[in-house]
Amino acid sequence: MTRTTAFDAVGVVSMECGSAPVVGIDAARDGFALFAHDPHWRVSLINETVDVASSGDLAVYRGAYNEENSRAGVVMTHRINFIAEFRRGDDGEWEMLWYMVANMEPSHPM
C-alpha cells in the first residue's frame, strides 16, 4: 500500500477531470504509478476542510492543492480541487469511498 492510496476502500471510485472513472484500489494504484515516473510530480496543500457527520461515521474532505508535473521536459503547475467521501470501515478506521479531482485552471509553465 502506498501513502497515496493508504485510505482507499477496496472499491474506491476515482474521478479525474477529463478521464473516465476508475473503480477499485488496484486501478487507483496503477493510475498513481504513472505519476511516480515523473520526478517533478508534486502536490502541495493550499487549504483543506473536513466535515464529519454528527454520527461520527461519515466525512467529506475538501482540499485545494497546487500540482506540479512535467510535460515534454517543461515543469508545469496548476491548482486543483479535491473532494472525497470517507466512512468508517468495519475495523473502525476511515476509508475513502470515492474522490473527484478537478482542475481550477489550465496547466502553465512554472
PDB file of N, CA and C in Angstrom:
ATOM      1  N   MET A   1       0.845  -1.176   0.000  1.00  0.00           N
ATOM      2  CA  MET A   1       0.000   0.000   0.000  1.00  0.00           C
ATOM      3  C   MET A   1       0.893   1.242   0.000  1.00  0.00           C
ATOM      4  N   THR A   2       0.572   2.203  -0.832  1.00  0.00           N
ATOM      5  CA  THR A   2       1.356   3.429  -0.895  1.00  0.00           C
ATOM      6  C   THR A   2       0.713   4.509  -0.040  1.00  0.00           C
ATOM      7  N   ARG A   3       1.472   5.533   0.281  1.00  0.00           N
ATOM      8  CA  ARG A   3       0.914   6.660   1.038  1.00  0.00           C
ATOM      9  C   ARG A   3      -0.228   7.305   0.276  1.00  0.00           C
ATOM     10  N   THR A   4      -0.125   7.324  -1.044  1.00  0.00           N
ATOM     11  CA  THR A   4      -1.132   7.985  -1.870  1.00  0.00           C
ATOM     12  C   THR A   4      -2.484   7.299  -1.784  1.00  0.00           C
ATOM     13  N   THR A   5      -2.503   6.001  -1.630  1.00  0.00           N
ATOM     14  CA  THR A   5      -3.765   5.253  -1.610  1.00  0.00           C
ATOM     15  C   THR A   5      -4.034   4.602  -0.251  1.00  0.00           C
ATOM     16  N   ALA A   6      -3.375   5.064   0.797  1.00  0.00           N
ATOM     17  CA  ALA A   6      -3.459   4.427   2.113  1.00  0.00           C
ATOM     18  C   ALA A   6      -4.878   4.357   2.672  1.00  0.00           C
ATOM     19  N   PHE A   7      -5.734   5.321   2.335  1.00  0.00           N
ATOM     20  CA  PHE A   7      -7.090   5.341   2.873  1.00  0.00           C
ATOM     21  C   PHE A   7      -8.136   4.811   1.888  1.00  0.00           C
ATOM     22  N   ASP A   8      -7.723   4.399   0.701  1.00  0.00           N
ATOM     23  CA  ASP A   8      -8.678   3.949  -0.309  1.00  0.00           C
ATOM     24  C   ASP A   8      -9.411   2.681   0.125  1.00  0.00           C
ATOM     25  N   ALA A   9     -10.738   2.687  -0.017  1.00  0.00           N
ATOM     26  CA  ALA A   9     -11.531   1.476   0.183  1.00  0.00           C
ATOM     27  C   ALA A   9     -11.241   0.519  -0.972  1.00  0.00           C
ATOM     28  N   VAL A  10     -11.512  -0.740  -0.778  1.00  0.00           N
ATOM     29  CA  VAL A  10     -11.275  -1.737  -1.832  1.00  0.00           C
ATOM     30  C   VAL A  10     -11.981  -1.339  -3.128  1.00  0.00           C
ATOM     31  N   GLY A  11     -13.196  -0.813  -3.033  1.00  0.00           N
ATOM     32  CA  GLY A  11     -13.969  -0.430  -4.214  1.00  0.00           C
ATOM     33  C   GLY A  11     -13.958   1.054  -4.501  1.00  0.00           C
ATOM     34  N   VAL A  12     -12.905   1.770  -4.085  1.00  0.00           N
ATOM     35  CA  VAL A  12     -12.834   3.223  -4.275  1.00  0.00           C
ATOM     36  C   VAL A  12     -13.112   3.595  -5.735  1.00  0.00           C
ATOM     37  N   VAL A  13     -13.812   4.702  -5.921  1.00  0.00           N
ATOM     38  CA  VAL A  13     -14.084   5.228  -7.256  1.00  0.00           C
ATOM     39  C   VAL A  13     -13.295   6.522  -7.401  1.00  0.00           C
ATOM     40  N   SER A  14     -12.422   6.564  -8.396  1.00  0.00           N
ATOM     41  CA  SER A  14     -11.582   7.725  -8.676  1.00  0.00           C
ATOM     42  C   SER A  14     -12.125   8.439  -9.904  1.00  0.00           C
ATOM     43  N   MET A  15     -12.447   9.718  -9.746  1.00  0.00           N
ATOM     44  CA  MET A  15     -12.968  10.513 -10.865  1.00  0.00           C
ATOM     45  C   MET A  15     -12.033  11.692 -11.082  1.00  0.00           C
ATOM     46  N   GLU A  16     -11.313  11.644 -12.183  1.00  0.00           N
ATOM     47  CA  GLU A  16     -10.355  12.692 -12.512  1.00  0.00           C
ATOM     48  C   GLU A  16     -10.862  13.464 -13.719  1.00  0.00           C
ATOM     49  N   CYS A  17     -10.646  14.754 -13.694  1.00  0.00           N
ATOM     50  CA  CYS A  17     -11.079  15.639 -14.770  1.00  0.00           C
ATOM     51  C   CYS A  17     -10.569  15.130 -16.128  1.00  0.00           C
ATOM     52  N   GLY A  18     -11.469  14.970 -17.083  1.00  0.00           N
ATOM     53  CA  GLY A  18     -11.087  14.567 -18.426  1.00  0.00           C
ATOM     54  C   GLY A  18     -10.886  13.076 -18.623  1.00  0.00           C
ATOM     55  N   SER A  19     -11.174  12.265 -17.614  1.00  0.00           N
ATOM     56  CA  SER A  19     -10.984  10.816 -17.719  1.00  0.00           C
ATOM     57  C   SER A  19     -12.231  10.082 -17.237  1.00  0.00           C
ATOM     58  N   ALA A  20     -12.402   8.879 -17.733  1.00  0.00           N
ATOM     59  CA  ALA A  20     -13.499   8.037 -17.250  1.00  0.00           C
ATOM     60  C   ALA A  20     -13.203   7.619 -15.812  1.00  0.00           C
ATOM     61  N   PRO A  21     -14.233   7.385 -14.991  1.00  0.00           N
ATOM     62  CA  PRO A  21     -13.996   6.931 -13.618  1.00  0.00           C
ATOM     63  C   PRO A  21     -13.235   5.605 -13.593  1.00  0.00           C
ATOM     64  N   VAL A  22     -12.436   5.436 -12.555  1.00  0.00           N
ATOM     65  CA  VAL A  22     -11.675   4.215 -12.325  1.00  0.00           C
ATOM     66  C   VAL A  22     -12.209   3.610 -11.029  1.00  0.00           C
ATOM     67  N   VAL A  23     -12.475   2.305 -11.040  1.00  0.00           N
ATOM     68  CA  VAL A  23     -13.059   1.649  -9.869  1.00  0.00           C
ATOM     69  C   VAL A  23     -12.096   0.602  -9.321  1.00  0.00           C
ATOM     70  N   GLY A  24     -11.872   0.648  -8.019  1.00  0.00           N
ATOM     71  CA  GLY A  24     -11.056  -0.356  -7.339  1.00  0.00           C
ATOM     72  C   GLY A  24      -9.695   0.168  -6.930  1.00  0.00           C
ATOM     73  N   ILE A  25      -9.225  -0.330  -5.800  1.00  0.00           N
ATOM     74  CA  ILE A  25      -7.955   0.144  -5.255  1.00  0.00           C
ATOM     75  C   ILE A  25      -6.778  -0.204  -6.162  1.00  0.00           C
ATOM     76  N   ASP A  26      -6.806  -1.361  -6.818  1.00  0.00           N
ATOM     77  CA  ASP A  26      -5.704  -1.722  -7.710  1.00  0.00           C
ATOM     78  C   ASP A  26      -5.626  -0.772  -8.895  1.00  0.00           C
ATOM     79  N   ALA A  27      -6.771  -0.415  -9.459  1.00  0.00           N
ATOM     80  CA  ALA A  27      -6.793   0.525 -10.582  1.00  0.00           C
ATOM     81  C   ALA A  27      -6.317   1.905 -10.136  1.00  0.00           C
ATOM     82  N   ALA A  28      -6.704   2.321  -8.940  1.00  0.00           N
ATOM     83  CA  ALA A  28      -6.249   3.618  -8.420  1.00  0.00           C
ATOM     84  C   ALA A  28      -4.735   3.616  -8.236  1.00  0.00           C
ATOM     85  N   ARG A  29      -4.202   2.542  -7.693  1.00  0.00           N
ATOM     86  CA  ARG A  29      -2.746   2.438  -7.515  1.00  0.00           C
ATOM     87  C   ARG A  29      -2.029   2.449  -8.854  1.00  0.00           C
ATOM     88  N   ASP A  30      -2.584   1.744  -9.839  1.00  0.00           N
ATOM     89  CA  ASP A  30      -1.976   1.738 -11.171  1.00  0.00           C
ATOM     90  C   ASP A  30      -1.923   3.151 -11.743  1.00  0.00           C
ATOM     91  N   GLY A  31      -2.988   3.931 -11.526  1.00  0.00           N
ATOM     92  CA  GLY A  31      -3.015   5.307 -12.020  1.00  0.00           C
ATOM     93  C   GLY A  31      -1.944   6.165 -11.371  1.00  0.00           C
ATOM     94  N   PHE A  32      -1.766   6.030 -10.065  1.00  0.00           N
ATOM     95  CA  PHE A  32      -0.737   6.811  -9.381  1.00  0.00           C
ATOM     96  C   PHE A  32       0.665   6.348  -9.745  1.00  0.00           C
ATOM     97  N   ALA A  33       0.821   5.099 -10.133  1.00  0.00           N
ATOM     98  CA  ALA A  33       2.139   4.597 -10.523  1.00  0.00           C
ATOM     99  C   ALA A  33       2.676   5.366 -11.724  1.00  0.00           C
ATOM    100  N   LEU A  34       1.783   5.832 -12.590  1.00  0.00           N
ATOM    101  CA  LEU A  34       2.219   6.622 -13.747  1.00  0.00           C
ATOM    102  C   LEU A  34       2.901   7.909 -13.300  1.00  0.00           C
ATOM    103  N   PHE A  35       2.368   8.535 -12.256  1.00  0.00           N
ATOM    104  CA  PHE A  35       2.965   9.770 -11.754  1.00  0.00           C
ATOM    105  C   PHE A  35       4.317   9.521 -11.105  1.00  0.00           C
ATOM    106  N   ALA A  36       4.515   8.346 -10.548  1.00  0.00           N
ATOM    107  CA  ALA A  36       5.759   8.030  -9.846  1.00  0.00           C
ATOM    108  C   ALA A  36       6.967   8.102 -10.769  1.00  0.00           C
ATOM    109  N   HIS A  37       6.745   7.974 -12.067  1.00  0.00           N
ATOM    110  CA  HIS A  37       7.845   8.030 -13.027  1.00  0.00           C
ATOM    111  C   HIS A  37       8.238   9.457 -13.369  1.00  0.00           C
ATOM    112  N   ASP A  38       7.464  10.432 -12.931  1.00  0.00           N
ATOM    113  CA  ASP A  38       7.754  11.839 -13.205  1.00  0.00           C
ATOM    114  C   ASP A  38       8.440  12.440 -11.977  1.00  0.00           C
ATOM    115  N   PRO A  39       9.746  12.739 -12.069  1.00  0.00           N
ATOM    116  CA  PRO A  39      10.450  13.268 -10.896  1.00  0.00           C
ATOM    117  C   PRO A  39       9.947  14.648 -10.463  1.00  0.00           C
ATOM    118  N   HIS A  40       9.166  15.304 -11.302  1.00  0.00           N
ATOM    119  CA  HIS A  40       8.657  16.641 -10.977  1.00  0.00           C
ATOM    120  C   HIS A  40       7.245  16.615 -10.404  1.00  0.00           C
ATOM    121  N   TRP A  41       6.617  15.418 -10.311  1.00  0.00           N
ATOM    122  CA  TRP A  41       5.243  15.377  -9.807  1.00  0.00           C
ATOM    123  C   TRP A  41       5.229  15.621  -8.313  1.00  0.00           C
ATOM    124  N   ARG A  42       4.506  16.671  -7.927  1.00  0.00           N
ATOM    125  CA  ARG A  42       4.343  17.026  -6.520  1.00  0.00           C
ATOM    126  C   ARG A  42       2.981  17.664  -6.323  1.00  0.00           C
ATOM    127  N   VAL A  43       2.433  17.500  -5.145  1.00  0.00           N
ATOM    128  CA  VAL A  43       1.241  18.250  -4.757  1.00  0.00           C
ATOM    129  C   VAL A  43       1.555  18.958  -3.449  1.00  0.00           C
ATOM    130  N   SER A  44       1.059  20.180  -3.329  1.00  0.00           N
ATOM    131  CA  SER A  44       1.243  20.931  -2.084  1.00  0.00           C
ATOM    132  C   SER A  44      -0.094  21.541  -1.697  1.00  0.00           C
ATOM    133  N   LEU A  45      -0.403  21.421  -0.439  1.00  0.00           N
ATOM    134  CA  LEU A  45      -1.686  21.855   0.095  1.00  0.00           C
ATOM    135  C   LEU A  45      -1.798  23.372   0.112  1.00  0.00           C
ATOM    136  N   ILE A  46      -2.946  23.872  -0.356  1.00  0.00           N
ATOM    137  CA  ILE A  46      -3.283  25.289  -0.227  1.00  0.00           C
ATOM    138  C   ILE A  46      -4.194  25.458   0.981  1.00  0.00           C
ATOM    139  N   ASN A  47      -5.285  24.698   1.018  1.00  0.00           N
ATOM    140  CA  ASN A  47      -6.196  24.714   2.166  1.00  0.00           C
ATOM    141  C   ASN A  47      -7.023  23.437   2.151  1.00  0.00           C
ATOM    142  N   GLU A  48      -7.619  23.123   3.298  1.00  0.00           N
ATOM    143  CA  GLU A  48      -8.449  21.926   3.385  1.00  0.00           C
ATOM    144  C   GLU A  48      -9.470  22.088   4.501  1.00  0.00           C
ATOM    145  N   THR A  49     -10.542  21.326   4.390  1.00  0.00           N
ATOM    146  CA  THR A  49     -11.559  21.282   5.434  1.00  0.00           C
ATOM    147  C   THR A  49     -12.164  19.888   5.447  1.00  0.00           C
ATOM    148  N   VAL A  50     -12.590  19.459   6.618  1.00  0.00           N
ATOM    149  CA  VAL A  50     -13.239  18.162   6.780  1.00  0.00           C
ATOM    150  C   VAL A  50     -14.531  18.382   7.551  1.00  0.00           C
ATOM    151  N   ASP A  51     -15.623  17.890   7.006  1.00  0.00           N
ATOM    152  CA  ASP A  51     -16.917  17.931   7.684  1.00  0.00           C
ATOM    153  C   ASP A  51     -17.270  16.506   8.086  1.00  0.00           C
ATOM    154  N   VAL A  52     -17.452  16.280   9.380  1.00  0.00           N
ATOM    155  CA  VAL A  52     -17.775  14.953   9.907  1.00  0.00           C
ATOM    156  C   VAL A  52     -19.228  14.955  10.369  1.00  0.00           C
ATOM    157  N   ALA A  53     -19.976  13.941   9.950  1.00  0.00           N
ATOM    158  CA  ALA A  53     -21.373  13.806  10.369  1.00  0.00           C
ATOM    159  C   ALA A  53     -21.444  13.662  11.885  1.00  0.00           C
ATOM    160  N   SER A  54     -22.544  14.108  12.462  1.00  0.00           N
ATOM    161  CA  SER A  54     -22.702  14.017  13.920  1.00  0.00           C
ATOM    162  C   SER A  54     -22.655  12.569  14.409  1.00  0.00           C
ATOM    163  N   SER A  55     -22.970  11.619  13.537  1.00  0.00           N
ATOM    164  CA  SER A  55     -22.886  10.198  13.897  1.00  0.00           C
ATOM    165  C   SER A  55     -21.439   9.728  14.032  1.00  0.00           C
ATOM    166  N   GLY A  56     -20.497  10.495  13.442  1.00  0.00           N
ATOM    167  CA  GLY A  56     -19.083  10.151  13.531  1.00  0.00           C
ATOM    168  C   GLY A  56     -18.620   9.064  12.593  1.00  0.00           C
ATOM    169  N   ASP A  57     -19.492   8.622  11.679  1.00  0.00           N
ATOM    170  CA  ASP A  57     -19.105   7.518  10.793  1.00  0.00           C
ATOM    171  C   ASP A  57     -18.991   7.915   9.329  1.00  0.00           C
ATOM    172  N   LEU A  58     -19.190   9.191   9.011  1.00  0.00           N
ATOM    173  CA  LEU A  58     -19.153   9.663   7.628  1.00  0.00           C
ATOM    174  C   LEU A  58     -18.503  11.039   7.611  1.00  0.00           C
ATOM    175  N   ALA A  59     -17.659  11.298   6.605  1.00  0.00           N
ATOM    176  CA  ALA A  59     -16.995  12.596   6.499  1.00  0.00           C
ATOM    177  C   ALA A  59     -16.803  12.966   5.037  1.00  0.00           C
ATOM    178  N   VAL A  60     -16.780  14.269   4.782  1.00  0.00           N
ATOM    179  CA  VAL A  60     -16.463  14.800   3.460  1.00  0.00           C
ATOM    180  C   VAL A  60     -15.212  15.660   3.610  1.00  0.00           C
ATOM    181  N   TYR A  61     -14.223  15.381   2.767  1.00  0.00           N
ATOM    182  CA  TYR A  61     -12.962  16.119   2.755  1.00  0.00           C
ATOM    183  C   TYR A  61     -12.944  16.997   1.515  1.00  0.00           C
ATOM    184  N   ARG A  62     -12.552  18.251   1.691  1.00  0.00           N
ATOM    185  CA  ARG A  62     -12.367  19.151   0.552  1.00  0.00           C
ATOM    186  C   ARG A  62     -11.011  19.810   0.691  1.00  0.00           C
ATOM    187  N   GLY A  63     -10.265  19.828  -0.393  1.00  0.00           N
ATOM    188  CA  GLY A  63      -8.951  20.451  -0.362  1.00  0.00           C
ATOM    189  C   GLY A  63      -8.636  21.128  -1.680  1.00  0.00           C
ATOM    190  N   ALA A  64      -7.770  22.107  -1.602  1.00  0.00           N
ATOM    191  CA  ALA A  64      -7.229  22.759  -2.793  1.00  0.00           C
ATOM    192  C   ALA A  64      -5.716  22.566  -2.747  1.00  0.00           C
ATOM    193  N   TYR A  65      -5.159  22.237  -3.882  1.00  0.00           N
ATOM    194  CA  TYR A  65      -3.739  21.915  -3.968  1.00  0.00           C
ATOM    195  C   TYR A  65      -3.112  22.572  -5.188  1.00  0.00           C
ATOM    196  N   ASN A  66      -1.806  22.771  -5.131  1.00  0.00           N
ATOM    197  CA  ASN A  66      -1.003  23.038  -6.313  1.00  0.00           C
ATOM    198  C   ASN A  66      -0.453  21.688  -6.751  1.00  0.00           C
ATOM    199  N   GLU A  67      -0.508  21.427  -8.045  1.00  0.00           N
ATOM    200  CA  GLU A  67       0.056  20.188  -8.581  1.00  0.00           C
ATOM    201  C   GLU A  67       1.094  20.557  -9.621  1.00  0.00           C
ATOM    202  N   GLU A  68       2.254  19.929  -9.518  1.00  0.00           N
ATOM    203  CA  GLU A  68       3.330  20.143 -10.479  1.00  0.00           C
ATOM    204  C   GLU A  68       3.643  18.823 -11.161  1.00  0.00           C
ATOM    205  N   ASN A  69       3.960  18.903 -12.445  1.00  0.00           N
ATOM    206  CA  ASN A  69       4.414  17.738 -13.191  1.00  0.00           C
ATOM    207  C   ASN A  69       5.182  18.236 -14.404  1.00  0.00           C
ATOM    208  N   SER A  70       5.698  17.321 -15.184  1.00  0.00           N
ATOM    209  CA  SER A  70       6.446  17.748 -16.367  1.00  0.00           C
ATOM    210  C   SER A  70       5.770  17.238 -17.629  1.00  0.00           C
ATOM    211  N   ARG A  71       5.864  18.060 -18.648  1.00  0.00           N
ATOM    212  CA  ARG A  71       5.365  17.701 -19.981  1.00  0.00           C
ATOM    213  C   ARG A  71       6.440  18.070 -20.985  1.00  0.00           C
ATOM    214  N   ALA A  72       6.909  17.079 -21.679  1.00  0.00           N
ATOM    215  CA  ALA A  72       7.941  17.280 -22.702  1.00  0.00           C
ATOM    216  C   ALA A  72       9.124  18.060 -22.134  1.00  0.00           C
ATOM    217  N   GLY A  73       9.501  17.739 -20.892  1.00  0.00           N
ATOM    218  CA  GLY A  73      10.660  18.371 -20.277  1.00  0.00           C
ATOM    219  C   GLY A  73      10.410  19.722 -19.633  1.00  0.00           C
ATOM    220  N   VAL A  74       9.172  20.213 -19.680  1.00  0.00           N
ATOM    221  CA  VAL A  74       8.831  21.510 -19.085  1.00  0.00           C
ATOM    222  C   VAL A  74       8.041  21.255 -17.803  1.00  0.00           C
ATOM    223  N   VAL A  75       8.476  21.869 -16.703  1.00  0.00           N
ATOM    224  CA  VAL A  75       7.750  21.716 -15.440  1.00  0.00           C
ATOM    225  C   VAL A  75       6.522  22.622 -15.482  1.00  0.00           C
ATOM    226  N   MET A  76       5.363  21.997 -15.271  1.00  0.00           N
ATOM    227  CA  MET A  76       4.081  22.696 -15.342  1.00  0.00           C
ATOM    228  C   MET A  76       3.447  22.721 -13.953  1.00  0.00           C
ATOM    229  N   THR A  77       2.507  23.651 -13.753  1.00  0.00           N
ATOM    230  CA  THR A  77       1.782  23.727 -12.493  1.00  0.00           C
ATOM    231  C   THR A  77       0.336  24.130 -12.748  1.00  0.00           C
ATOM    232  N   HIS A  78      -0.538  23.774 -11.845  1.00  0.00           N
ATOM    233  CA  HIS A  78      -1.927  24.227 -11.861  1.00  0.00           C
ATOM    234  C   HIS A  78      -2.538  23.939 -10.493  1.00  0.00           C
ATOM    235  N   ARG A  79      -3.638  24.628 -10.206  1.00  0.00           N
ATOM    236  CA  ARG A  79      -4.359  24.397  -8.955  1.00  0.00           C
ATOM    237  C   ARG A  79      -5.482  23.403  -9.207  1.00  0.00           C
ATOM    238  N   ILE A  80      -5.743  22.564  -8.199  1.00  0.00           N
ATOM    239  CA  ILE A  80      -6.805  21.571  -8.312  1.00  0.00           C
ATOM    240  C   ILE A  80      -7.696  21.597  -7.070  1.00  0.00           C
ATOM    241  N   ASN A  81      -8.943  21.200  -7.265  1.00  0.00           N
ATOM    242  CA  ASN A  81      -9.876  20.920  -6.176  1.00  0.00           C
ATOM    243  C   ASN A  81      -9.926  19.417  -5.990  1.00  0.00           C
ATOM    244  N   PHE A  82     -10.016  18.989  -4.750  1.00  0.00           N
ATOM    245  CA  PHE A  82     -10.116  17.570  -4.421  1.00  0.00           C
ATOM    246  C   PHE A  82     -11.254  17.431  -3.421  1.00  0.00           C
ATOM    247  N   ILE A  83     -12.191  16.552  -3.702  1.00  0.00           N
ATOM    248  CA  ILE A  83     -13.297  16.295  -2.781  1.00  0.00           C
ATOM    249  C   ILE A  83     -13.447  14.784  -2.649  1.00  0.00           C
ATOM    250  N   ALA A  84     -13.707  14.327  -1.425  1.00  0.00           N
ATOM    251  CA  ALA A  84     -13.783  12.882  -1.186  1.00  0.00           C
ATOM    252  C   ALA A  84     -14.760  12.577  -0.059  1.00  0.00           C
ATOM    253  N   GLU A  85     -15.363  11.388  -0.148  1.00  0.00           N
ATOM    254  CA  GLU A  85     -16.230  10.897   0.918  1.00  0.00           C
ATOM    255  C   GLU A  85     -15.507   9.781   1.666  1.00  0.00           C
ATOM    256  N   PHE A  86     -15.508   9.884   2.985  1.00  0.00           N
ATOM    257  CA  PHE A  86     -14.911   8.871   3.851  1.00  0.00           C
ATOM    258  C   PHE A  86     -15.985   8.263   4.734  1.00  0.00           C
ATOM    259  N   ARG A  87     -15.791   7.020   5.108  1.00  0.00           N
ATOM    260  CA  ARG A  87     -16.655   6.380   6.106  1.00  0.00           C
ATOM    261  C   ARG A  87     -15.764   5.500   6.972  1.00  0.00           C
ATOM    262  N   ARG A  88     -16.302   5.143   8.107  1.00  0.00           N
ATOM    263  CA  ARG A  88     -15.562   4.225   8.978  1.00  0.00           C
ATOM    264  C   ARG A  88     -15.798   2.802   8.478  1.00  0.00           C
ATOM    265  N   GLY A  89     -14.719   2.066   8.293  1.00  0.00           N
ATOM    266  CA  GLY A  89     -14.813   0.679   7.858  1.00  0.00           C
ATOM    267  C   GLY A  89     -15.193  -0.227   9.017  1.00  0.00           C
ATOM    268  N   ASP A  90     -15.315  -1.505   8.724  1.00  0.00           N
ATOM    269  CA  ASP A  90     -15.665  -2.489   9.750  1.00  0.00           C
ATOM    270  C   ASP A  90     -14.649  -2.518  10.894  1.00  0.00           C
ATOM    271  N   ASP A  91     -13.405  -2.128  10.588  1.00  0.00           N
ATOM    272  CA  ASP A  91     -12.357  -2.111  11.616  1.00  0.00           C
ATOM    273  C   ASP A  91     -12.313  -0.796  12.392  1.00  0.00           C
ATOM    274  N   GLY A  92     -13.220   0.142  12.055  1.00  0.00           N
ATOM    275  CA  GLY A  92     -13.270   1.429  12.743  1.00  0.00           C
ATOM    276  C   GLY A  92     -12.371   2.491  12.157  1.00  0.00           C
ATOM    277  N   GLU A  93     -11.536   2.120  11.181  1.00  0.00           N
ATOM    278  CA  GLU A  93     -10.632   3.073  10.535  1.00  0.00           C
ATOM    279  C   GLU A  93     -11.353   3.785   9.393  1.00  0.00           C
ATOM    280  N   TRP A  94     -10.921   5.011   9.099  1.00  0.00           N
ATOM    281  CA  TRP A  94     -11.504   5.759   7.981  1.00  0.00           C
ATOM    282  C   TRP A  94     -11.050   5.159   6.661  1.00  0.00           C
ATOM    283  N   GLU A  95     -11.975   5.099   5.687  1.00  0.00           N
ATOM    284  CA  GLU A  95     -11.627   4.677   4.331  1.00  0.00           C
ATOM    285  C   GLU A  95     -12.337   5.593   3.342  1.00  0.00           C
ATOM    286  N   MET A  96     -11.659   5.850   2.227  1.00  0.00           N
ATOM    287  CA  MET A  96     -12.193   6.738   1.201  1.00  0.00           C
ATOM    288  C   MET A  96     -13.010   5.926   0.205  1.00  0.00           C
ATOM    289  N   LEU A  97     -14.289   6.292   0.049  1.00  0.00           N
ATOM    290  CA  LEU A  97     -15.191   5.594  -0.868  1.00  0.00           C
ATOM    291  C   LEU A  97     -15.051   6.093  -2.294  1.00  0.00           C
ATOM    292  N   TRP A  98     -14.918   7.398  -2.453  1.00  0.00           N
ATOM    293  CA  TRP A  98     -14.768   7.998  -3.779  1.00  0.00           C
ATOM    294  C   TRP A  98     -14.069   9.338  -3.633  1.00  0.00           C
ATOM    295  N   TYR A  99     -13.475   9.767  -4.738  1.00  0.00           N
ATOM    296  CA  TYR A  99     -12.904  11.111  -4.760  1.00  0.00           C
ATOM    297  C   TYR A  99     -12.978  11.667  -6.170  1.00  0.00           C
ATOM    298  N   MET A 100     -12.960  12.984  -6.228  1.00  0.00           N
ATOM    299  CA  MET A 100     -13.005  13.680  -7.511  1.00  0.00           C
ATOM    300  C   MET A 100     -11.946  14.771  -7.508  1.00  0.00           C
ATOM    301  N   VAL A 101     -11.205  14.836  -8.588  1.00  0.00           N
ATOM    302  CA  VAL A 101     -10.165  15.840  -8.775  1.00  0.00           C
ATOM    303  C   VAL A 101     -10.558  16.691  -9.971  1.00  0.00           C
ATOM    304  N   ALA A 102     -10.555  18.014  -9.790  1.00  0.00           N
ATOM    305  CA  ALA A 102     -10.927  18.925 -10.876  1.00  0.00           C
ATOM    306  C   ALA A 102      -9.944  20.091 -10.924  1.00  0.00           C
ATOM    307  N   ASN A 103      -9.447  20.364 -12.108  1.00  0.00           N
ATOM    308  CA  ASN A 103      -8.539  21.497 -12.284  1.00  0.00           C
ATOM    309  C   ASN A 103      -9.287  22.809 -12.092  1.00  0.00           C
ATOM    310  N   MET A 104      -8.649  23.773 -11.430  1.00  0.00           N
ATOM    311  CA  MET A 104      -9.219  25.109 -11.278  1.00  0.00           C
ATOM    312  C   MET A 104      -8.704  26.059 -12.345  1.00  0.00           C
ATOM    313  N   GLU A 105      -7.680  25.637 -13.053  1.00  0.00           N
ATOM    314  CA  GLU A 105      -7.066  26.483 -14.074  1.00  0.00           C
ATOM    315  C   GLU A 105      -6.294  25.583 -15.032  1.00  0.00           C
ATOM    316  N   PRO A 106      -6.008  26.075 -16.232  1.00  0.00           N
ATOM    317  CA  PRO A 106      -5.173  25.287 -17.144  1.00  0.00           C
ATOM    318  C   PRO A 106      -3.742  25.170 -16.601  1.00  0.00           C
ATOM    319  N   SER A 107      -3.082  24.093 -16.942  1.00  0.00           N
ATOM    320  CA  SER A 107      -1.669  23.956 -16.583  1.00  0.00           C
ATOM    321  C   SER A 107      -0.863  25.018 -17.306  1.00  0.00           C
ATOM    322  N   HIS A 108       0.186  25.494 -16.642  1.00  0.00           N
ATOM    323  CA  HIS A 108       1.051  26.504 -17.250  1.00  0.00           C
ATOM    324  C   HIS A 108       2.469  26.298 -16.733  1.00  0.00           C
ATOM    325  N   PRO A 109       3.469  26.745 -17.495  1.00  0.00           N
ATOM    326  CA  PRO A 109       4.851  26.585 -17.036  1.00  0.00           C
ATOM    327  C   PRO A 109       5.074  27.308 -15.710  1.00  0.00           C
ATOM    328  N   MET A 110       5.932  26.730 -14.896  1.00  0.00           N
ATOM    329  CA  MET A 110       6.241  27.354 -13.594  1.00  0.00           C
ATOM    330  C   MET A 110       7.093  28.587 -13.791  1.00  0.00           C
TER     331      MET A 110
END
